[in-house]
Amino acid sequence: MFEAKRLRINCLRLTPKADETLTNISFYKLAGDQNLAFLLICQLVKKARKQDQQVLCLMPGESEVMSLDKAMWAFEPSSFLPHGTGAESSPIAVSCDAGPGDHHQVLINLHSEIPTWFSRFDRVVEIIYQDSDYEQSKRDSFVFYKERGYPISYHDLTDKFKPQLP
């Protein structure tokens, strides 16, 4: 019987998930704005796709969906991140309002709220960029996950993640 490998995103590296019962939650803190978050998302998606994982990127609105779509097209001119926007069935989906569809492996949540269906995923990635209201919503998310006993990892990339534009 086919069983999908569960992944753990750890400092931009994907490794097998240790805890098979609960969704693993990873927080990544950046010293930059939403555009830097889009670049981190592209790197995380690329790593996940190398391991044949499906990824759903949940954005707060249509403008962010379009911005991430553009970032994925421009991320590496010599390669392609096969993605779709909206409810399309694609290994990588970028959406602001569609449900999880067929995705269940990696959820990258840039939305300020936690979707009710987050626990169907093996891994949830929460990215924190510099915006006071947004940072507070992610603090609230951290408390939500912690109070419910989800395994949480926190990665401070404020001094480490400074990618150069292609």
N, C-alpha and C. Protein backbone atom coordinates (compact mmCIF):
# COMPACT_ATOMS: atom_id res chain seq x y z
N MET A 1 0.84 -1.18 0.00
CA MET A 1 0.00 0.00 0.00
C MET A 1 0.89 1.24 0.00
N PHE A 2 0.53 2.21 -0.85
CA PHE A 2 1.30 3.44 -0.94
C PHE A 2 1.07 4.30 0.29
N GLU A 3 2.16 4.79 0.86
CA GLU A 3 2.05 5.70 2.00
C GLU A 3 2.98 6.88 1.74
N ALA A 4 2.41 8.06 1.72
CA ALA A 4 3.21 9.26 1.46
C ALA A 4 4.16 9.51 2.62
N LYS A 5 5.38 9.91 2.28
CA LYS A 5 6.32 10.29 3.32
C LYS A 5 5.86 11.59 3.94
N ARG A 6 5.93 11.66 5.24
CA ARG A 6 5.59 12.90 5.93
C ARG A 6 6.87 13.69 6.09
N LEU A 7 6.76 15.01 5.92
CA LEU A 7 7.96 15.83 5.91
C LEU A 7 8.01 16.81 7.06
N ARG A 8 9.20 17.16 7.39
CA ARG A 8 9.44 18.20 8.39
C ARG A 8 10.33 19.25 7.74
N ILE A 9 9.84 20.45 7.65
CA ILE A 9 10.64 21.53 7.10
C ILE A 9 11.47 22.09 8.24
N ASN A 10 12.77 22.04 8.09
CA ASN A 10 13.66 22.46 9.16
C ASN A 10 14.79 23.29 8.56
N CYS A 11 14.75 24.59 8.81
CA CYS A 11 15.78 25.50 8.29
C CYS A 11 16.02 25.26 6.80
N LEU A 12 14.95 25.29 6.03
CA LEU A 12 14.98 25.14 4.58
C LEU A 12 15.38 23.74 4.13
N ARG A 13 15.32 22.76 5.02
CA ARG A 13 15.65 21.38 4.68
C ARG A 13 14.45 20.51 5.03
N LEU A 14 14.10 19.60 4.14
CA LEU A 14 12.98 18.70 4.40
C LEU A 14 13.52 17.36 4.86
N THR A 15 13.01 16.88 5.99
CA THR A 15 13.40 15.58 6.51
C THR A 15 12.15 14.84 6.95
N PRO A 16 12.20 13.52 7.10
CA PRO A 16 11.00 12.78 7.49
C PRO A 16 10.42 13.27 8.81
N LYS A 17 9.12 13.29 8.86
CA LYS A 17 8.40 13.71 10.06
C LYS A 17 8.58 12.69 11.16
N ALA A 18 8.97 13.14 12.35
CA ALA A 18 9.21 12.24 13.47
C ALA A 18 7.90 11.81 14.13
N ASP A 19 6.98 12.73 14.31
CA ASP A 19 5.72 12.44 15.00
C ASP A 19 4.65 12.13 13.96
N GLU A 20 4.19 10.89 13.91
CA GLU A 20 3.23 10.46 12.90
C GLU A 20 1.78 10.78 13.26
N THR A 21 1.51 11.36 14.41
CA THR A 21 0.13 11.55 14.82
C THR A 21 -0.37 12.98 14.68
N LEU A 22 0.46 13.96 14.93
CA LEU A 22 0.03 15.35 14.88
C LEU A 22 0.72 16.10 13.75
N THR A 23 0.04 17.12 13.27
CA THR A 23 0.64 18.02 12.29
C THR A 23 1.81 18.75 12.94
N ASN A 24 2.94 18.77 12.26
CA ASN A 24 4.10 19.52 12.74
C ASN A 24 3.98 20.96 12.27
N ILE A 25 4.24 21.89 13.17
CA ILE A 25 4.12 23.31 12.88
C ILE A 25 5.51 23.93 12.92
N SER A 26 5.86 24.69 11.90
CA SER A 26 7.14 25.40 11.86
C SER A 26 6.88 26.88 11.65
N PHE A 27 7.51 27.68 12.49
CA PHE A 27 7.47 29.13 12.34
C PHE A 27 8.83 29.60 11.84
N TYR A 28 8.83 30.47 10.83
CA TYR A 28 10.04 31.07 10.29
C TYR A 28 9.92 32.58 10.42
N LYS A 29 10.84 33.20 11.15
CA LYS A 29 10.82 34.65 11.34
C LYS A 29 11.84 35.31 10.42
N LEU A 30 11.38 36.31 9.68
CA LEU A 30 12.22 37.03 8.74
C LEU A 30 12.40 38.48 9.14
N ALA A 31 13.52 39.06 8.78
CA ALA A 31 13.76 40.49 9.00
C ALA A 31 13.51 41.23 7.70
N GLY A 32 12.30 41.18 7.25
CA GLY A 32 11.96 41.83 5.99
C GLY A 32 10.47 41.89 5.82
N ASP A 33 10.06 42.35 4.66
CA ASP A 33 8.64 42.51 4.39
C ASP A 33 8.07 41.28 3.69
N GLN A 34 6.86 41.44 3.20
CA GLN A 34 6.16 40.34 2.55
C GLN A 34 6.90 39.83 1.31
N ASN A 35 7.60 40.71 0.62
CA ASN A 35 8.35 40.28 -0.57
C ASN A 35 9.44 39.28 -0.21
N LEU A 36 10.09 39.48 0.93
CA LEU A 36 11.08 38.51 1.39
C LEU A 36 10.40 37.19 1.75
N ALA A 37 9.20 37.28 2.31
CA ALA A 37 8.44 36.06 2.61
C ALA A 37 8.13 35.28 1.34
N PHE A 38 7.81 35.98 0.25
CA PHE A 38 7.55 35.31 -1.02
C PHE A 38 8.79 34.55 -1.50
N LEU A 39 9.97 35.14 -1.33
CA LEU A 39 11.20 34.46 -1.73
C LEU A 39 11.45 33.21 -0.88
N LEU A 40 11.20 33.31 0.42
CA LEU A 40 11.34 32.14 1.29
C LEU A 40 10.35 31.06 0.87
N ILE A 41 9.12 31.45 0.57
CA ILE A 41 8.12 30.48 0.12
C ILE A 41 8.61 29.76 -1.13
N CYS A 42 9.16 30.50 -2.08
CA CYS A 42 9.67 29.87 -3.30
C CYS A 42 10.76 28.84 -2.98
N GLN A 43 11.65 29.16 -2.06
CA GLN A 43 12.70 28.21 -1.69
C GLN A 43 12.12 26.98 -1.01
N LEU A 44 11.15 27.18 -0.12
CA LEU A 44 10.53 26.04 0.57
C LEU A 44 9.76 25.16 -0.41
N VAL A 45 9.06 25.79 -1.34
CA VAL A 45 8.31 25.04 -2.34
C VAL A 45 9.26 24.23 -3.22
N LYS A 46 10.35 24.84 -3.62
CA LYS A 46 11.34 24.13 -4.45
C LYS A 46 11.85 22.89 -3.72
N LYS A 47 12.18 23.04 -2.43
CA LYS A 47 12.66 21.89 -1.63
C LYS A 47 11.59 20.80 -1.54
N ALA A 48 10.36 21.21 -1.29
CA ALA A 48 9.27 20.23 -1.18
C ALA A 48 9.05 19.49 -2.49
N ARG A 49 9.10 20.20 -3.60
CA ARG A 49 8.88 19.57 -4.91
C ARG A 49 10.01 18.61 -5.25
N LYS A 50 11.22 18.90 -4.80
CA LYS A 50 12.33 17.97 -5.04
C LYS A 50 12.06 16.63 -4.38
N GLN A 51 11.26 16.65 -3.31
CA GLN A 51 10.90 15.41 -2.62
C GLN A 51 9.48 14.97 -2.97
N ASP A 52 8.97 15.49 -4.08
CA ASP A 52 7.68 15.08 -4.63
C ASP A 52 6.51 15.34 -3.67
N GLN A 53 6.59 16.42 -2.93
CA GLN A 53 5.53 16.78 -1.99
C GLN A 53 4.59 17.80 -2.62
N GLN A 54 3.32 17.68 -2.28
CA GLN A 54 2.33 18.68 -2.70
C GLN A 54 2.36 19.83 -1.70
N VAL A 55 2.16 21.05 -2.20
CA VAL A 55 2.21 22.23 -1.35
C VAL A 55 1.01 23.12 -1.65
N LEU A 56 0.35 23.56 -0.59
CA LEU A 56 -0.69 24.57 -0.72
C LEU A 56 -0.19 25.83 -0.03
N CYS A 57 -0.14 26.92 -0.77
CA CYS A 57 0.27 28.22 -0.23
C CYS A 57 -0.99 29.05 -0.04
N LEU A 58 -1.33 29.32 1.21
CA LEU A 58 -2.54 30.07 1.53
C LEU A 58 -2.18 31.53 1.77
N MET A 59 -2.72 32.40 0.94
CA MET A 59 -2.43 33.83 0.99
C MET A 59 -3.61 34.60 1.59
N PRO A 60 -3.35 35.82 2.10
CA PRO A 60 -4.44 36.60 2.70
C PRO A 60 -5.41 37.20 1.68
N GLY A 61 -5.01 37.40 0.44
CA GLY A 61 -5.90 38.00 -0.55
C GLY A 61 -5.41 37.78 -1.97
N GLU A 62 -6.23 38.22 -2.93
CA GLU A 62 -5.91 38.04 -4.35
C GLU A 62 -4.61 38.74 -4.74
N SER A 63 -4.35 39.92 -4.19
CA SER A 63 -3.12 40.62 -4.57
C SER A 63 -1.88 39.83 -4.16
N GLU A 64 -1.95 39.16 -3.00
CA GLU A 64 -0.83 38.32 -2.56
C GLU A 64 -0.71 37.06 -3.41
N VAL A 65 -1.85 36.51 -3.84
CA VAL A 65 -1.83 35.36 -4.74
C VAL A 65 -1.09 35.74 -6.02
N MET A 66 -1.44 36.89 -6.59
CA MET A 66 -0.80 37.34 -7.83
C MET A 66 0.68 37.65 -7.61
N SER A 67 1.02 38.24 -6.47
CA SER A 67 2.43 38.55 -6.18
C SER A 67 3.26 37.28 -6.04
N LEU A 68 2.72 36.27 -5.34
CA LEU A 68 3.45 35.01 -5.20
C LEU A 68 3.53 34.30 -6.54
N ASP A 69 2.48 34.36 -7.33
CA ASP A 69 2.48 33.78 -8.67
C ASP A 69 3.63 34.37 -9.48
N LYS A 70 3.76 35.69 -9.46
CA LYS A 70 4.85 36.35 -10.18
C LYS A 70 6.21 35.95 -9.62
N ALA A 71 6.31 35.88 -8.29
CA ALA A 71 7.58 35.49 -7.67
C ALA A 71 7.98 34.07 -8.08
N MET A 72 7.01 33.17 -8.17
CA MET A 72 7.32 31.79 -8.57
C MET A 72 7.78 31.71 -10.02
N TRP A 73 7.19 32.54 -10.88
CA TRP A 73 7.62 32.56 -12.28
C TRP A 73 9.03 33.13 -12.42
N ALA A 74 9.39 34.10 -11.57
CA ALA A 74 10.68 34.77 -11.68
C ALA A 74 11.75 34.18 -10.76
N PHE A 75 11.39 33.25 -9.91
CA PHE A 75 12.28 32.75 -8.87
C PHE A 75 13.61 32.27 -9.42
N GLU A 76 13.58 31.35 -10.34
CA GLU A 76 14.80 30.86 -11.00
C GLU A 76 14.50 30.76 -12.49
N PRO A 77 15.06 31.64 -13.26
CA PRO A 77 14.75 31.66 -14.69
C PRO A 77 15.03 30.34 -15.41
N SER A 78 15.95 29.54 -14.90
CA SER A 78 16.31 28.29 -15.56
C SER A 78 15.45 27.10 -15.13
N SER A 79 14.53 27.32 -14.17
CA SER A 79 13.69 26.21 -13.72
C SER A 79 12.23 26.67 -13.64
N PHE A 80 11.37 25.75 -13.23
CA PHE A 80 9.94 26.04 -13.20
C PHE A 80 9.33 25.44 -11.95
N LEU A 81 8.55 26.22 -11.23
CA LEU A 81 7.77 25.71 -10.10
C LEU A 81 6.35 25.51 -10.61
N PRO A 82 5.96 24.26 -10.89
CA PRO A 82 4.65 23.97 -11.52
C PRO A 82 3.49 24.28 -10.59
N HIS A 83 2.96 25.45 -10.67
CA HIS A 83 1.92 25.87 -9.74
C HIS A 83 0.67 26.35 -10.47
N GLY A 84 -0.41 26.38 -9.71
CA GLY A 84 -1.66 26.93 -10.20
C GLY A 84 -2.24 27.84 -9.15
N THR A 85 -3.09 28.74 -9.57
CA THR A 85 -3.74 29.65 -8.63
C THR A 85 -5.20 29.26 -8.48
N GLY A 86 -5.75 29.51 -7.31
CA GLY A 86 -7.14 29.17 -7.05
C GLY A 86 -7.30 27.71 -6.70
N ALA A 87 -8.41 27.14 -7.14
CA ALA A 87 -8.75 25.77 -6.77
C ALA A 87 -8.21 24.75 -7.76
N GLU A 88 -7.28 25.16 -8.61
CA GLU A 88 -6.73 24.24 -9.60
C GLU A 88 -6.04 23.06 -8.93
N SER A 89 -6.13 21.91 -9.59
CA SER A 89 -5.41 20.74 -9.10
C SER A 89 -4.00 20.80 -9.66
N SER A 90 -3.04 21.05 -8.80
CA SER A 90 -1.65 21.22 -9.20
C SER A 90 -0.79 20.79 -8.02
N PRO A 91 0.43 20.29 -8.27
CA PRO A 91 1.30 19.91 -7.15
C PRO A 91 1.56 21.08 -6.20
N ILE A 92 1.54 22.30 -6.76
CA ILE A 92 1.70 23.51 -5.96
C ILE A 92 0.49 24.38 -6.25
N ALA A 93 -0.28 24.68 -5.22
CA ALA A 93 -1.44 25.55 -5.39
C ALA A 93 -1.24 26.82 -4.57
N VAL A 94 -1.63 27.94 -5.14
CA VAL A 94 -1.58 29.23 -4.46
C VAL A 94 -2.99 29.77 -4.43
N SER A 95 -3.51 30.00 -3.23
CA SER A 95 -4.91 30.39 -3.10
C SER A 95 -5.11 31.33 -1.92
N CYS A 96 -6.23 32.04 -1.94
CA CYS A 96 -6.58 32.88 -0.79
C CYS A 96 -7.91 32.46 -0.19
N ASP A 97 -8.68 31.64 -0.90
CA ASP A 97 -9.99 31.29 -0.36
C ASP A 97 -10.45 29.87 -0.64
N ALA A 98 -9.74 29.15 -1.46
CA ALA A 98 -10.14 27.77 -1.75
C ALA A 98 -9.79 26.87 -0.56
N GLY A 99 -10.50 25.78 -0.44
CA GLY A 99 -10.17 24.80 0.60
C GLY A 99 -8.90 24.06 0.22
N PRO A 100 -8.58 23.01 0.96
CA PRO A 100 -7.33 22.29 0.74
C PRO A 100 -7.32 21.43 -0.52
N GLY A 101 -8.48 21.16 -1.10
CA GLY A 101 -8.51 20.30 -2.28
C GLY A 101 -7.89 18.95 -1.99
N ASP A 102 -7.02 18.49 -2.88
CA ASP A 102 -6.35 17.20 -2.71
C ASP A 102 -5.06 17.31 -1.91
N HIS A 103 -4.69 18.50 -1.52
CA HIS A 103 -3.43 18.71 -0.81
C HIS A 103 -3.55 18.26 0.65
N HIS A 104 -2.47 17.63 1.13
CA HIS A 104 -2.44 17.18 2.53
C HIS A 104 -1.02 17.08 3.09
N GLN A 105 -0.04 17.48 2.32
CA GLN A 105 1.33 17.31 2.79
C GLN A 105 1.90 18.57 3.43
N VAL A 106 2.07 19.65 2.68
CA VAL A 106 2.65 20.87 3.23
C VAL A 106 1.70 22.04 2.99
N LEU A 107 1.37 22.75 4.05
CA LEU A 107 0.59 23.99 3.97
C LEU A 107 1.51 25.13 4.39
N ILE A 108 1.69 26.10 3.50
CA ILE A 108 2.43 27.31 3.84
C ILE A 108 1.38 28.40 4.02
N ASN A 109 1.24 28.86 5.26
CA ASN A 109 0.16 29.78 5.61
C ASN A 109 0.70 31.20 5.80
N LEU A 110 0.43 32.05 4.83
CA LEU A 110 0.78 33.46 4.97
C LEU A 110 -0.44 34.27 5.40
N HIS A 111 -1.56 33.60 5.48
CA HIS A 111 -2.80 34.24 5.94
C HIS A 111 -2.68 34.55 7.43
N SER A 112 -3.37 35.57 7.90
CA SER A 112 -3.29 35.92 9.32
C SER A 112 -4.10 34.98 10.20
N GLU A 113 -5.00 34.21 9.59
CA GLU A 113 -5.81 33.25 10.35
C GLU A 113 -5.39 31.82 10.03
N ILE A 114 -5.66 30.94 10.97
CA ILE A 114 -5.39 29.51 10.77
C ILE A 114 -6.63 28.89 10.14
N PRO A 115 -6.48 28.21 9.01
CA PRO A 115 -7.66 27.57 8.42
C PRO A 115 -8.16 26.42 9.29
N THR A 116 -9.46 26.19 9.30
CA THR A 116 -10.04 25.14 10.15
C THR A 116 -9.53 23.76 9.75
N TRP A 117 -9.09 23.58 8.54
CA TRP A 117 -8.67 22.28 8.03
C TRP A 117 -7.15 22.08 8.07
N PHE A 118 -6.42 22.89 8.83
CA PHE A 118 -4.95 22.81 8.86
C PHE A 118 -4.45 21.44 9.29
N SER A 119 -5.19 20.75 10.17
CA SER A 119 -4.68 19.50 10.76
C SER A 119 -4.68 18.33 9.79
N ARG A 120 -5.24 18.49 8.61
CA ARG A 120 -5.17 17.42 7.61
C ARG A 120 -3.78 17.35 6.98
N PHE A 121 -2.96 18.39 7.20
CA PHE A 121 -1.63 18.45 6.61
C PHE A 121 -0.59 17.80 7.52
N ASP A 122 0.44 17.25 6.90
CA ASP A 122 1.56 16.69 7.65
C ASP A 122 2.36 17.81 8.31
N ARG A 123 2.48 18.93 7.61
CA ARG A 123 3.28 20.05 8.09
C ARG A 123 2.59 21.35 7.74
N VAL A 124 2.63 22.28 8.68
CA VAL A 124 2.17 23.65 8.45
C VAL A 124 3.35 24.58 8.67
N VAL A 125 3.58 25.46 7.72
CA VAL A 125 4.65 26.45 7.82
C VAL A 125 4.00 27.82 7.98
N GLU A 126 4.36 28.51 9.04
CA GLU A 126 3.89 29.87 9.30
C GLU A 126 5.09 30.80 9.15
N ILE A 127 4.98 31.78 8.28
CA ILE A 127 6.08 32.70 8.04
C ILE A 127 5.74 34.05 8.66
N ILE A 128 6.68 34.56 9.44
CA ILE A 128 6.49 35.84 10.13
C ILE A 128 7.41 36.87 9.48
N TYR A 129 6.82 37.90 8.91
CA TYR A 129 7.61 39.00 8.36
C TYR A 129 7.28 40.27 9.14
N GLN A 130 8.03 41.33 8.89
CA GLN A 130 7.90 42.54 9.70
C GLN A 130 6.68 43.36 9.32
N ASP A 131 5.67 43.26 10.14
CA ASP A 131 4.43 44.04 10.07
C ASP A 131 3.76 43.82 11.41
N SER A 132 3.55 44.87 12.19
CA SER A 132 3.13 44.71 13.58
C SER A 132 1.81 43.96 13.74
N ASP A 133 0.80 44.26 12.92
CA ASP A 133 -0.48 43.55 13.03
C ASP A 133 -0.32 42.08 12.64
N TYR A 134 0.42 41.85 11.58
CA TYR A 134 0.65 40.49 11.11
C TYR A 134 1.44 39.68 12.13
N GLU A 135 2.47 40.30 12.71
CA GLU A 135 3.26 39.61 13.74
C GLU A 135 2.39 39.21 14.92
N GLN A 136 1.47 40.07 15.32
CA GLN A 136 0.57 39.74 16.43
C GLN A 136 -0.32 38.55 16.07
N SER A 137 -0.81 38.50 14.85
CA SER A 137 -1.66 37.37 14.45
C SER A 137 -0.86 36.07 14.49
N LYS A 138 0.42 36.11 14.15
CA LYS A 138 1.25 34.90 14.19
C LYS A 138 1.58 34.52 15.63
N ARG A 139 1.71 35.50 16.52
CA ARG A 139 1.87 35.18 17.95
C ARG A 139 0.63 34.45 18.45
N ASP A 140 -0.54 34.94 18.05
CA ASP A 140 -1.79 34.29 18.43
C ASP A 140 -1.85 32.87 17.87
N SER A 141 -1.37 32.69 16.65
CA SER A 141 -1.34 31.35 16.04
C SER A 141 -0.42 30.43 16.83
N PHE A 142 0.73 30.94 17.24
CA PHE A 142 1.68 30.15 18.03
C PHE A 142 1.00 29.66 19.31
N VAL A 143 0.31 30.56 20.01
CA VAL A 143 -0.40 30.20 21.24
C VAL A 143 -1.47 29.15 20.95
N PHE A 144 -2.21 29.32 19.87
CA PHE A 144 -3.26 28.37 19.48
C PHE A 144 -2.68 26.96 19.33
N TYR A 145 -1.61 26.84 18.54
CA TYR A 145 -1.00 25.52 18.31
C TYR A 145 -0.43 24.94 19.61
N LYS A 146 0.25 25.78 20.38
CA LYS A 146 0.89 25.32 21.61
C LYS A 146 -0.13 24.82 22.62
N GLU A 147 -1.23 25.56 22.80
CA GLU A 147 -2.26 25.15 23.75
C GLU A 147 -2.91 23.82 23.39
N ARG A 148 -2.86 23.47 22.11
CA ARG A 148 -3.47 22.23 21.65
C ARG A 148 -2.47 21.09 21.52
N GLY A 149 -1.23 21.35 21.89
CA GLY A 149 -0.23 20.29 21.95
C GLY A 149 0.45 19.94 20.65
N TYR A 150 0.36 20.78 19.63
CA TYR A 150 1.03 20.48 18.37
C TYR A 150 2.54 20.67 18.52
N PRO A 151 3.34 19.80 17.91
CA PRO A 151 4.79 19.98 17.95
C PRO A 151 5.17 21.22 17.13
N ILE A 152 5.90 22.13 17.77
CA ILE A 152 6.24 23.40 17.14
C ILE A 152 7.76 23.56 17.08
N SER A 153 8.23 24.03 15.93
CA SER A 153 9.63 24.43 15.82
C SER A 153 9.66 25.90 15.38
N TYR A 154 10.67 26.60 15.85
CA TYR A 154 10.79 28.03 15.56
C TYR A 154 12.17 28.29 14.99
N HIS A 155 12.21 28.99 13.87
CA HIS A 155 13.47 29.27 13.19
C HIS A 155 13.60 30.77 12.97
N ASP A 156 14.56 31.37 13.63
CA ASP A 156 14.80 32.80 13.48
C ASP A 156 15.79 32.99 12.33
N LEU A 157 15.29 33.44 11.20
CA LEU A 157 16.12 33.64 10.02
C LEU A 157 16.45 35.11 9.80
N THR A 158 16.25 35.93 10.83
CA THR A 158 16.43 37.37 10.66
C THR A 158 17.85 37.75 10.23
N ASP A 159 18.85 36.99 10.64
CA ASP A 159 20.22 37.29 10.24
C ASP A 159 20.75 36.31 9.19
N LYS A 160 19.97 35.30 8.85
CA LYS A 160 20.46 34.23 7.99
C LYS A 160 19.87 34.26 6.59
N PHE A 161 18.64 34.68 6.46
CA PHE A 161 17.96 34.58 5.16
C PHE A 161 17.98 35.92 4.46
N LYS A 162 18.94 36.06 3.57
CA LYS A 162 19.05 37.28 2.78
C LYS A 162 19.33 36.88 1.34
N PRO A 163 18.32 36.28 0.68
CA PRO A 163 18.55 35.80 -0.69
C PRO A 163 18.76 36.96 -1.66
N GLN A 164 19.51 36.68 -2.69
CA GLN A 164 19.73 37.67 -3.73
C GLN A 164 18.73 37.43 -4.84
N LEU A 165 18.24 38.50 -5.40
CA LEU A 165 17.30 38.37 -6.51
C LEU A 165 18.02 37.83 -7.72
N PRO A 166 17.30 37.02 -8.54
CA PRO A 166 17.94 36.46 -9.74
C PRO A 166 18.30 37.53 -10.74
